[in-house]
């Protein structure tokens, strides 16, 4: 099956800026999403659900892609350096809503405010990668999930006085991102 998200004449994601050079698109996408992350962090966020994940993705990538915030319509694989060029098994496109619901149900079932620092970090590191592994969007999944995880920790810190601070979470999020994909955001 062909990739409906790519231009027909070049293997580059269709985008609102009509950029057809992959390196240029990657650079602009990274800078724009980084700027949007800063705005979002200052603004705050509290919808830690599948709908909230779509909202975050739309906010981060809506300036670049028409499909931002919408679940992908095709199955994908992405070669990861850390896996020797193999791909992680992502959710099938038809299973995305159910798989995300399961992942977020597991997150919301926890009594986060009662955890010790170690329990908090352990469950955070165990549960948020499940959201990432669904890979609900055609592009931008790692940045979106890492941003949601950062905002999740920040929201809990503000509501419950968690012993995890936002700066530590940002460092952990970058570490997690690098661990998942071998790259930074």
N, C-alpha and C. Protein backbone atom coordinates (compact mmCIF):
# COMPACT_ATOMS: atom_id res chain seq x y z
N UNK A 1 0.84 -1.19 0.00
CA UNK A 1 0.00 0.00 0.00
C UNK A 1 0.88 1.24 0.00
N UNK A 2 0.53 2.20 -0.81
CA UNK A 2 1.31 3.42 -0.86
C UNK A 2 0.98 4.30 0.35
N UNK A 3 1.88 5.21 0.64
CA UNK A 3 1.74 6.10 1.79
C UNK A 3 0.99 7.36 1.35
N UNK A 4 -0.25 7.49 1.75
CA UNK A 4 -1.09 8.62 1.35
C UNK A 4 -0.61 9.94 1.93
N UNK A 5 0.32 9.90 2.87
CA UNK A 5 0.83 11.11 3.51
C UNK A 5 2.02 11.72 2.78
N UNK A 6 2.53 11.00 1.78
CA UNK A 6 3.69 11.48 1.03
C UNK A 6 3.29 12.10 -0.30
N UNK A 7 4.11 13.06 -0.76
CA UNK A 7 3.93 13.56 -2.12
C UNK A 7 4.16 12.42 -3.09
N UNK A 8 3.50 12.46 -4.23
CA UNK A 8 3.65 11.39 -5.22
C UNK A 8 5.02 11.40 -5.89
N UNK A 9 5.61 12.59 -6.05
CA UNK A 9 6.86 12.69 -6.80
C UNK A 9 8.12 12.64 -5.93
N UNK A 10 7.99 12.84 -4.62
CA UNK A 10 9.14 12.76 -3.72
C UNK A 10 8.68 12.11 -2.40
N UNK A 11 9.56 11.36 -1.74
CA UNK A 11 9.18 10.70 -0.48
C UNK A 11 9.27 11.65 0.72
N UNK A 12 8.46 12.70 0.67
CA UNK A 12 8.42 13.71 1.72
C UNK A 12 6.96 13.88 2.14
N UNK A 13 6.73 14.05 3.45
CA UNK A 13 5.38 14.23 3.95
C UNK A 13 4.73 15.48 3.35
N UNK A 14 3.51 15.33 2.88
CA UNK A 14 2.75 16.49 2.39
C UNK A 14 2.60 17.47 3.55
N UNK A 15 2.83 18.75 3.24
CA UNK A 15 2.80 19.74 4.31
C UNK A 15 2.23 21.05 3.79
N UNK A 16 1.78 21.87 4.73
CA UNK A 16 1.13 23.14 4.39
C UNK A 16 2.07 24.13 3.72
N UNK A 17 3.37 23.95 3.91
CA UNK A 17 4.36 24.86 3.33
C UNK A 17 4.84 24.39 1.96
N UNK A 18 4.36 23.24 1.54
CA UNK A 18 4.74 22.62 0.27
C UNK A 18 6.26 22.44 0.14
N UNK A 19 6.90 22.12 1.25
CA UNK A 19 8.33 21.82 1.25
C UNK A 19 8.51 20.39 0.76
N UNK A 20 9.37 20.21 -0.21
CA UNK A 20 9.57 18.89 -0.80
C UNK A 20 10.97 18.35 -0.60
N UNK A 21 11.72 19.01 0.27
CA UNK A 21 13.04 18.54 0.65
C UNK A 21 12.96 18.05 2.10
N UNK A 22 13.29 16.77 2.31
CA UNK A 22 13.10 16.16 3.62
C UNK A 22 13.91 16.84 4.73
N UNK A 23 15.15 17.18 4.45
CA UNK A 23 15.99 17.81 5.48
C UNK A 23 15.45 19.19 5.87
N UNK A 24 14.98 19.94 4.89
CA UNK A 24 14.41 21.25 5.18
C UNK A 24 13.13 21.11 5.99
N UNK A 25 12.28 20.17 5.60
CA UNK A 25 11.04 19.94 6.35
C UNK A 25 11.35 19.50 7.78
N UNK A 26 12.30 18.60 7.94
CA UNK A 26 12.66 18.13 9.29
C UNK A 26 13.12 19.30 10.16
N UNK A 27 13.91 20.18 9.61
CA UNK A 27 14.42 21.33 10.36
C UNK A 27 13.28 22.27 10.76
N UNK A 28 12.43 22.61 9.81
CA UNK A 28 11.32 23.54 10.09
C UNK A 28 10.34 22.90 11.07
N UNK A 29 10.04 21.63 10.86
CA UNK A 29 9.13 20.92 11.76
C UNK A 29 9.69 20.90 13.18
N UNK A 30 10.98 20.62 13.32
CA UNK A 30 11.60 20.56 14.65
C UNK A 30 11.55 21.92 15.34
N UNK A 31 11.89 22.96 14.61
CA UNK A 31 11.89 24.31 15.21
C UNK A 31 10.49 24.76 15.58
N UNK A 32 9.53 24.51 14.70
CA UNK A 32 8.15 24.93 14.97
C UNK A 32 7.57 24.15 16.15
N UNK A 33 7.79 22.84 16.16
CA UNK A 33 7.24 22.04 17.27
C UNK A 33 7.93 22.41 18.58
N UNK A 34 9.20 22.71 18.55
CA UNK A 34 9.92 23.13 19.77
C UNK A 34 9.35 24.44 20.30
N UNK A 35 9.10 25.39 19.41
CA UNK A 35 8.50 26.66 19.83
C UNK A 35 7.11 26.43 20.41
N UNK A 36 6.33 25.57 19.78
CA UNK A 36 4.99 25.27 20.28
C UNK A 36 5.05 24.54 21.63
N UNK A 37 6.07 23.72 21.83
CA UNK A 37 6.23 23.05 23.13
C UNK A 37 6.44 24.07 24.24
N UNK A 38 7.24 25.06 23.96
CA UNK A 38 7.51 26.10 24.97
C UNK A 38 6.22 26.86 25.31
N UNK A 39 5.45 27.19 24.31
CA UNK A 39 4.17 27.89 24.53
C UNK A 39 3.23 27.01 25.35
N UNK A 40 3.15 25.76 24.97
CA UNK A 40 2.25 24.83 25.65
C UNK A 40 2.67 24.61 27.10
N UNK A 41 3.96 24.52 27.34
CA UNK A 41 4.45 24.32 28.70
C UNK A 41 4.07 25.51 29.58
N UNK A 42 4.20 26.70 29.04
CA UNK A 42 3.83 27.91 29.80
C UNK A 42 2.32 27.98 30.02
N UNK A 43 1.56 27.56 29.05
CA UNK A 43 0.10 27.62 29.12
C UNK A 43 -0.46 26.56 30.06
N UNK A 44 0.16 25.39 30.08
CA UNK A 44 -0.34 24.29 30.89
C UNK A 44 -1.32 23.43 30.12
N UNK A 45 -1.61 22.27 30.70
CA UNK A 45 -2.46 21.31 30.01
C UNK A 45 -2.96 20.31 31.05
N UNK A 46 -4.18 19.81 30.86
CA UNK A 46 -4.71 18.89 31.87
C UNK A 46 -5.58 17.76 31.31
N UNK A 47 -5.63 17.59 30.00
CA UNK A 47 -6.48 16.55 29.41
C UNK A 47 -5.64 15.34 29.02
N UNK A 48 -5.43 14.44 29.97
CA UNK A 48 -4.57 13.29 29.76
C UNK A 48 -5.41 12.08 29.34
N UNK A 49 -5.93 12.20 28.12
CA UNK A 49 -6.82 11.21 27.51
C UNK A 49 -6.42 11.08 26.03
N UNK A 50 -6.99 10.12 25.32
CA UNK A 50 -6.73 10.06 23.88
C UNK A 50 -7.10 11.37 23.16
N UNK A 51 -8.22 11.99 23.54
CA UNK A 51 -8.60 13.26 22.91
C UNK A 51 -7.57 14.34 23.23
N UNK A 52 -7.05 14.33 24.44
CA UNK A 52 -6.01 15.29 24.81
C UNK A 52 -4.74 15.08 24.03
N UNK A 53 -4.39 13.82 23.76
CA UNK A 53 -3.21 13.53 22.95
C UNK A 53 -3.38 14.11 21.55
N UNK A 54 -4.58 13.96 20.99
CA UNK A 54 -4.86 14.54 19.66
C UNK A 54 -4.75 16.06 19.70
N UNK A 55 -5.25 16.66 20.77
CA UNK A 55 -5.16 18.12 20.92
C UNK A 55 -3.70 18.57 20.98
N UNK A 56 -2.89 17.86 21.74
CA UNK A 56 -1.46 18.20 21.82
C UNK A 56 -0.80 18.09 20.45
N UNK A 57 -1.06 17.00 19.75
CA UNK A 57 -0.46 16.80 18.43
C UNK A 57 -0.88 17.93 17.47
N UNK A 58 -2.14 18.29 17.52
CA UNK A 58 -2.64 19.38 16.68
C UNK A 58 -1.91 20.68 17.02
N UNK A 59 -1.74 20.96 18.31
CA UNK A 59 -1.07 22.19 18.72
C UNK A 59 0.39 22.20 18.27
N UNK A 60 1.07 21.07 18.42
CA UNK A 60 2.49 20.99 18.08
C UNK A 60 2.76 21.02 16.57
N UNK A 61 1.89 20.37 15.79
CA UNK A 61 2.18 20.17 14.37
C UNK A 61 1.15 20.75 13.41
N UNK A 62 0.13 21.40 13.93
CA UNK A 62 -0.94 21.94 13.09
C UNK A 62 -0.49 23.02 12.14
N UNK A 63 0.62 23.69 12.45
CA UNK A 63 1.15 24.71 11.54
C UNK A 63 1.79 24.09 10.30
N UNK A 64 2.11 22.81 10.40
CA UNK A 64 2.85 22.13 9.33
C UNK A 64 1.97 21.16 8.53
N UNK A 65 1.12 20.39 9.24
CA UNK A 65 0.38 19.31 8.58
C UNK A 65 -1.13 19.46 8.75
N UNK A 66 -1.86 19.22 7.66
CA UNK A 66 -3.33 19.22 7.71
C UNK A 66 -3.86 18.09 8.58
N UNK A 67 -3.16 17.00 8.66
CA UNK A 67 -3.61 15.82 9.39
C UNK A 67 -3.19 15.83 10.86
N UNK A 68 -2.59 16.91 11.32
CA UNK A 68 -2.16 16.99 12.71
C UNK A 68 -3.35 16.79 13.65
N UNK A 69 -3.16 15.98 14.66
CA UNK A 69 -4.21 15.72 15.63
C UNK A 69 -5.19 14.64 15.22
N UNK A 70 -4.97 14.03 14.06
CA UNK A 70 -5.86 12.96 13.58
C UNK A 70 -5.09 11.66 13.52
N UNK A 71 -5.75 10.58 13.92
CA UNK A 71 -5.11 9.28 13.87
C UNK A 71 -4.71 8.93 12.43
N UNK A 72 -3.60 8.24 12.31
CA UNK A 72 -3.14 7.83 10.98
C UNK A 72 -4.12 6.82 10.38
N UNK A 73 -4.16 6.81 9.07
CA UNK A 73 -5.10 5.95 8.34
C UNK A 73 -4.42 4.77 7.67
N UNK A 74 -3.13 4.64 7.90
CA UNK A 74 -2.36 3.54 7.33
C UNK A 74 -1.51 2.91 8.43
N UNK A 75 -1.06 1.71 8.18
CA UNK A 75 -0.10 1.08 9.08
C UNK A 75 1.29 1.59 8.72
N UNK A 76 2.12 1.70 9.73
CA UNK A 76 3.46 2.23 9.49
C UNK A 76 4.50 1.36 10.18
N UNK A 77 5.70 1.51 9.69
CA UNK A 77 6.88 0.99 10.38
C UNK A 77 7.95 2.05 10.23
N UNK A 78 8.76 2.18 11.23
CA UNK A 78 9.84 3.17 11.21
C UNK A 78 11.11 2.49 11.68
N UNK A 79 12.09 2.52 10.88
CA UNK A 79 13.37 1.92 11.21
C UNK A 79 14.02 2.74 12.33
N UNK A 80 14.44 2.05 13.39
CA UNK A 80 15.05 2.70 14.54
C UNK A 80 16.51 2.28 14.65
N UNK A 81 17.39 3.26 14.80
CA UNK A 81 18.83 2.96 14.92
C UNK A 81 19.11 2.03 16.09
N UNK A 82 18.42 2.27 17.22
CA UNK A 82 18.67 1.46 18.41
C UNK A 82 18.26 0.01 18.24
N UNK A 83 17.45 -0.26 17.25
CA UNK A 83 17.00 -1.63 16.99
C UNK A 83 17.70 -2.24 15.78
N UNK A 84 18.83 -1.68 15.43
CA UNK A 84 19.59 -2.19 14.30
C UNK A 84 18.87 -2.04 12.98
N UNK A 85 18.06 -0.98 12.86
CA UNK A 85 17.33 -0.73 11.63
C UNK A 85 15.99 -1.42 11.54
N UNK A 86 15.64 -2.18 12.57
CA UNK A 86 14.33 -2.81 12.60
C UNK A 86 13.30 -1.84 13.14
N UNK A 87 12.03 -2.19 13.00
CA UNK A 87 10.94 -1.33 13.47
C UNK A 87 10.29 -1.91 14.72
N UNK A 88 9.79 -1.03 15.56
CA UNK A 88 8.93 -1.42 16.67
C UNK A 88 7.59 -1.86 16.07
N UNK A 89 6.88 -2.75 16.74
CA UNK A 89 5.54 -3.13 16.30
C UNK A 89 4.56 -2.09 16.82
N UNK A 90 4.09 -1.23 15.94
CA UNK A 90 3.11 -0.21 16.31
C UNK A 90 1.70 -0.77 16.12
N UNK A 91 0.73 -0.13 16.75
CA UNK A 91 -0.66 -0.56 16.60
C UNK A 91 -1.10 -0.49 15.15
N UNK A 92 -1.94 -1.43 14.74
CA UNK A 92 -2.59 -1.32 13.44
C UNK A 92 -3.49 -0.11 13.45
N UNK A 93 -3.67 0.51 12.30
CA UNK A 93 -4.46 1.74 12.25
C UNK A 93 -5.87 1.55 12.80
N UNK A 94 -6.49 0.39 12.55
CA UNK A 94 -7.85 0.17 13.03
C UNK A 94 -7.91 0.01 14.56
N UNK A 95 -6.80 -0.35 15.19
CA UNK A 95 -6.77 -0.61 16.63
C UNK A 95 -6.36 0.61 17.45
N UNK A 96 -6.00 1.70 16.81
CA UNK A 96 -5.49 2.87 17.53
C UNK A 96 -6.44 3.34 18.64
N UNK A 97 -7.73 3.58 18.37
CA UNK A 97 -8.59 4.08 19.45
C UNK A 97 -8.65 3.14 20.66
N UNK A 98 -8.79 1.85 20.42
CA UNK A 98 -8.87 0.88 21.52
C UNK A 98 -7.54 0.79 22.28
N UNK A 99 -6.44 0.75 21.54
CA UNK A 99 -5.13 0.63 22.18
C UNK A 99 -4.81 1.87 23.03
N UNK A 100 -5.16 3.04 22.52
CA UNK A 100 -4.94 4.26 23.31
C UNK A 100 -5.83 4.29 24.55
N UNK A 101 -7.06 3.87 24.39
CA UNK A 101 -7.97 3.84 25.54
C UNK A 101 -7.42 2.94 26.64
N UNK A 102 -6.90 1.79 26.27
CA UNK A 102 -6.29 0.88 27.25
C UNK A 102 -5.08 1.52 27.93
N UNK A 103 -4.25 2.17 27.14
CA UNK A 103 -3.04 2.79 27.71
C UNK A 103 -3.40 3.91 28.68
N UNK A 104 -4.36 4.76 28.31
CA UNK A 104 -4.74 5.86 29.19
C UNK A 104 -5.55 5.39 30.39
N UNK A 105 -6.29 4.31 30.25
CA UNK A 105 -7.00 3.75 31.40
C UNK A 105 -5.99 3.27 32.44
N UNK A 106 -4.92 2.64 32.00
CA UNK A 106 -3.88 2.19 32.93
C UNK A 106 -3.22 3.38 33.64
N UNK A 107 -3.02 4.47 32.91
CA UNK A 107 -2.41 5.67 33.52
C UNK A 107 -3.37 6.28 34.54
N UNK A 108 -4.63 6.42 34.18
CA UNK A 108 -5.58 7.09 35.08
C UNK A 108 -5.96 6.22 36.28
N UNK A 109 -5.72 4.93 36.21
CA UNK A 109 -6.06 4.03 37.32
C UNK A 109 -5.10 4.17 38.50
N UNK A 110 -3.95 4.79 38.28
CA UNK A 110 -2.94 4.91 39.33
C UNK A 110 -3.28 6.05 40.29
N UNK A 111 -2.88 5.85 41.53
CA UNK A 111 -3.00 6.90 42.56
C UNK A 111 -1.67 7.63 42.64
N UNK A 112 -1.38 8.40 41.62
CA UNK A 112 -0.06 9.02 41.44
C UNK A 112 0.39 9.84 42.65
N UNK A 113 -0.53 10.57 43.24
CA UNK A 113 -0.16 11.46 44.34
C UNK A 113 0.28 10.69 45.58
N UNK A 114 0.01 9.40 45.65
CA UNK A 114 0.38 8.60 46.81
C UNK A 114 1.72 7.88 46.63
N UNK A 115 2.29 7.95 45.45
CA UNK A 115 3.52 7.22 45.17
C UNK A 115 4.74 7.90 45.78
N UNK A 116 5.71 7.09 46.14
CA UNK A 116 7.03 7.62 46.46
C UNK A 116 7.65 8.11 45.15
N UNK A 117 8.72 8.82 45.24
CA UNK A 117 9.41 9.31 44.04
C UNK A 117 9.80 8.14 43.14
N UNK A 118 10.32 7.07 43.72
CA UNK A 118 10.77 5.92 42.95
C UNK A 118 9.59 5.21 42.27
N UNK A 119 8.49 5.04 42.99
CA UNK A 119 7.30 4.41 42.41
C UNK A 119 6.75 5.27 41.27
N UNK A 120 6.74 6.57 41.48
CA UNK A 120 6.24 7.51 40.48
C UNK A 120 7.04 7.36 39.18
N UNK A 121 8.35 7.44 39.30
CA UNK A 121 9.22 7.36 38.11
C UNK A 121 9.09 5.99 37.45
N UNK A 122 9.04 4.94 38.26
CA UNK A 122 8.91 3.58 37.71
C UNK A 122 7.64 3.44 36.88
N UNK A 123 6.49 3.86 37.43
CA UNK A 123 5.24 3.70 36.70
C UNK A 123 5.14 4.66 35.51
N UNK A 124 5.67 5.85 35.66
CA UNK A 124 5.71 6.80 34.56
C UNK A 124 6.49 6.20 33.38
N UNK A 125 7.66 5.63 33.69
CA UNK A 125 8.51 5.05 32.65
C UNK A 125 7.93 3.76 32.08
N UNK A 126 7.06 3.11 32.80
CA UNK A 126 6.44 1.87 32.32
C UNK A 126 5.17 2.14 31.51
N UNK A 127 4.39 3.17 31.88
CA UNK A 127 3.07 3.37 31.27
C UNK A 127 3.08 4.30 30.06
N UNK A 128 3.85 5.37 30.08
CA UNK A 128 3.81 6.29 28.93
C UNK A 128 4.39 5.69 27.65
N UNK A 129 5.39 4.82 27.72
CA UNK A 129 5.83 4.18 26.47
C UNK A 129 4.73 3.35 25.79
N UNK A 130 3.75 2.88 26.54
CA UNK A 130 2.62 2.16 25.93
C UNK A 130 1.84 3.08 24.99
N UNK A 131 1.69 4.34 25.40
CA UNK A 131 1.03 5.32 24.53
C UNK A 131 1.88 5.52 23.29
N UNK A 132 3.19 5.67 23.48
CA UNK A 132 4.11 5.88 22.36
C UNK A 132 4.06 4.70 21.39
N UNK A 133 4.00 3.47 21.93
CA UNK A 133 4.05 2.31 21.04
C UNK A 133 2.81 2.21 20.14
N UNK A 134 1.71 2.81 20.53
CA UNK A 134 0.54 2.85 19.64
C UNK A 134 0.89 3.64 18.38
N UNK A 135 1.68 4.69 18.52
CA UNK A 135 2.08 5.55 17.39
C UNK A 135 0.86 5.98 16.58
N UNK A 136 -0.04 6.73 17.21
CA UNK A 136 -1.32 7.03 16.56
C UNK A 136 -1.25 7.99 15.37
N UNK A 137 -0.16 8.73 15.25
CA UNK A 137 -0.06 9.74 14.19
C UNK A 137 0.99 9.33 13.16
N UNK A 138 0.89 9.90 11.99
CA UNK A 138 1.85 9.56 10.93
C UNK A 138 3.25 10.02 11.28
N UNK A 139 3.37 11.13 11.99
CA UNK A 139 4.67 11.70 12.37
C UNK A 139 4.47 12.50 13.66
N UNK A 140 5.52 12.64 14.44
CA UNK A 140 5.48 13.48 15.63
C UNK A 140 5.02 12.77 16.90
N UNK A 141 5.01 11.46 16.89
CA UNK A 141 4.53 10.70 18.04
C UNK A 141 5.42 10.86 19.26
N UNK A 142 6.73 10.75 19.08
CA UNK A 142 7.64 10.82 20.23
C UNK A 142 7.55 12.18 20.89
N UNK A 143 7.61 13.24 20.12
CA UNK A 143 7.53 14.59 20.71
C UNK A 143 6.20 14.80 21.41
N UNK A 144 5.11 14.30 20.83
CA UNK A 144 3.80 14.48 21.43
C UNK A 144 3.68 13.72 22.75
N UNK A 145 4.12 12.47 22.77
CA UNK A 145 4.01 11.67 23.99
C UNK A 145 4.95 12.21 25.08
N UNK A 146 6.15 12.59 24.70
CA UNK A 146 7.08 13.14 25.68
C UNK A 146 6.54 14.46 26.23
N UNK A 147 5.94 15.27 25.38
CA UNK A 147 5.35 16.52 25.86
C UNK A 147 4.19 16.23 26.81
N UNK A 148 3.36 15.26 26.46
CA UNK A 148 2.25 14.92 27.35
C UNK A 148 2.77 14.41 28.69
N UNK A 149 3.79 13.59 28.67
CA UNK A 149 4.35 13.08 29.91
C UNK A 149 4.90 14.23 30.77
N UNK A 150 5.57 15.15 30.14
CA UNK A 150 6.11 16.32 30.85
C UNK A 150 4.97 17.12 31.47
N UNK A 151 3.94 17.39 30.72
CA UNK A 151 2.79 18.15 31.22
C UNK A 151 2.04 17.38 32.30
N UNK A 152 2.00 16.08 32.18
CA UNK A 152 1.37 15.22 33.19
C UNK A 152 2.07 15.38 34.54
N UNK A 153 3.39 15.28 34.51
CA UNK A 153 4.17 15.43 35.74
C UNK A 153 4.00 16.83 36.31
N UNK A 154 4.04 17.81 35.44
CA UNK A 154 3.89 19.20 35.91
C UNK A 154 2.51 19.42 36.53
N UNK A 155 1.47 18.88 35.92
CA UNK A 155 0.12 19.03 36.46
C UNK A 155 0.01 18.37 37.83
N UNK A 156 0.59 17.19 37.98
CA UNK A 156 0.56 16.51 39.28
C UNK A 156 1.36 17.27 40.33
N UNK A 157 2.47 17.82 39.90
CA UNK A 157 3.30 18.59 40.83
C UNK A 157 2.53 19.80 41.35
N UNK A 158 1.83 20.48 40.47
CA UNK A 158 1.08 21.66 40.86
C UNK A 158 -0.13 21.30 41.73
N UNK A 159 -0.80 20.20 41.39
CA UNK A 159 -2.00 19.81 42.14
C UNK A 159 -1.69 19.14 43.48
N UNK A 160 -0.64 18.34 43.51
CA UNK A 160 -0.41 17.51 44.68
C UNK A 160 0.95 17.73 45.34
N UNK A 161 1.71 18.69 44.86
CA UNK A 161 3.01 18.93 45.47
C UNK A 161 3.96 17.77 45.29
N UNK A 162 3.90 17.12 44.14
CA UNK A 162 4.76 15.98 43.87
C UNK A 162 6.22 16.32 44.10
N UNK A 163 6.98 15.33 44.49
CA UNK A 163 8.41 15.54 44.73
C UNK A 163 9.22 15.49 43.44
N UNK A 164 8.57 15.39 42.32
CA UNK A 164 9.23 15.44 41.02
C UNK A 164 9.05 16.84 40.47
N UNK A 165 10.13 17.51 40.14
CA UNK A 165 9.94 18.86 39.60
C UNK A 165 9.98 18.86 38.08
N UNK A 166 9.46 19.94 37.50
CA UNK A 166 9.33 20.04 36.05
C UNK A 166 10.65 19.93 35.32
N UNK A 167 11.71 20.52 35.87
CA UNK A 167 13.02 20.48 35.22
C UNK A 167 13.54 19.03 35.16
N UNK A 168 13.39 18.31 36.27
CA UNK A 168 13.79 16.90 36.28
C UNK A 168 13.00 16.10 35.25
N UNK A 169 11.72 16.39 35.16
CA UNK A 169 10.88 15.67 34.21
C UNK A 169 11.33 15.95 32.78
N UNK A 170 11.65 17.20 32.48
CA UNK A 170 12.10 17.54 31.13
C UNK A 170 13.37 16.77 30.78
N UNK A 171 14.28 16.67 31.73
CA UNK A 171 15.52 15.90 31.50
C UNK A 171 15.18 14.43 31.30
N UNK A 172 14.30 13.88 32.15
CA UNK A 172 13.89 12.48 32.01
C UNK A 172 13.17 12.25 30.68
N UNK A 173 12.35 13.20 30.28
CA UNK A 173 11.61 13.07 29.02
C UNK A 173 12.57 13.03 27.84
N UNK A 174 13.58 13.88 27.87
CA UNK A 174 14.56 13.86 26.78
C UNK A 174 15.32 12.54 26.77
N UNK A 175 15.64 12.03 27.97
CA UNK A 175 16.31 10.75 28.08
C UNK A 175 15.43 9.64 27.53
N UNK A 176 14.14 9.67 27.88
CA UNK A 176 13.19 8.67 27.39
C UNK A 176 13.09 8.75 25.86
N UNK A 177 12.99 9.96 25.34
CA UNK A 177 12.90 10.15 23.89
C UNK A 177 14.12 9.54 23.21
N UNK A 178 15.29 9.83 23.76
CA UNK A 178 16.51 9.28 23.17
C UNK A 178 16.52 7.76 23.28
N UNK A 179 16.04 7.24 24.41
CA UNK A 179 15.99 5.80 24.60
C UNK A 179 15.02 5.11 23.65
N UNK A 180 13.92 5.77 23.33
CA UNK A 180 12.93 5.17 22.43
C UNK A 180 13.37 5.20 20.98
N UNK A 181 14.01 6.30 20.58
CA UNK A 181 14.26 6.48 19.16
C UNK A 181 15.73 6.67 18.77
N UNK A 182 16.58 6.91 19.76
CA UNK A 182 17.98 7.17 19.44
C UNK A 182 18.22 8.59 19.01
N UNK A 183 17.21 9.45 19.13
CA UNK A 183 17.39 10.86 18.75
C UNK A 183 16.78 11.74 19.81
N UNK A 184 17.04 13.01 19.69
CA UNK A 184 16.52 14.01 20.63
C UNK A 184 15.43 14.79 19.94
N UNK A 185 14.69 15.60 20.69
CA UNK A 185 13.68 16.43 20.06
C UNK A 185 14.02 17.87 20.27
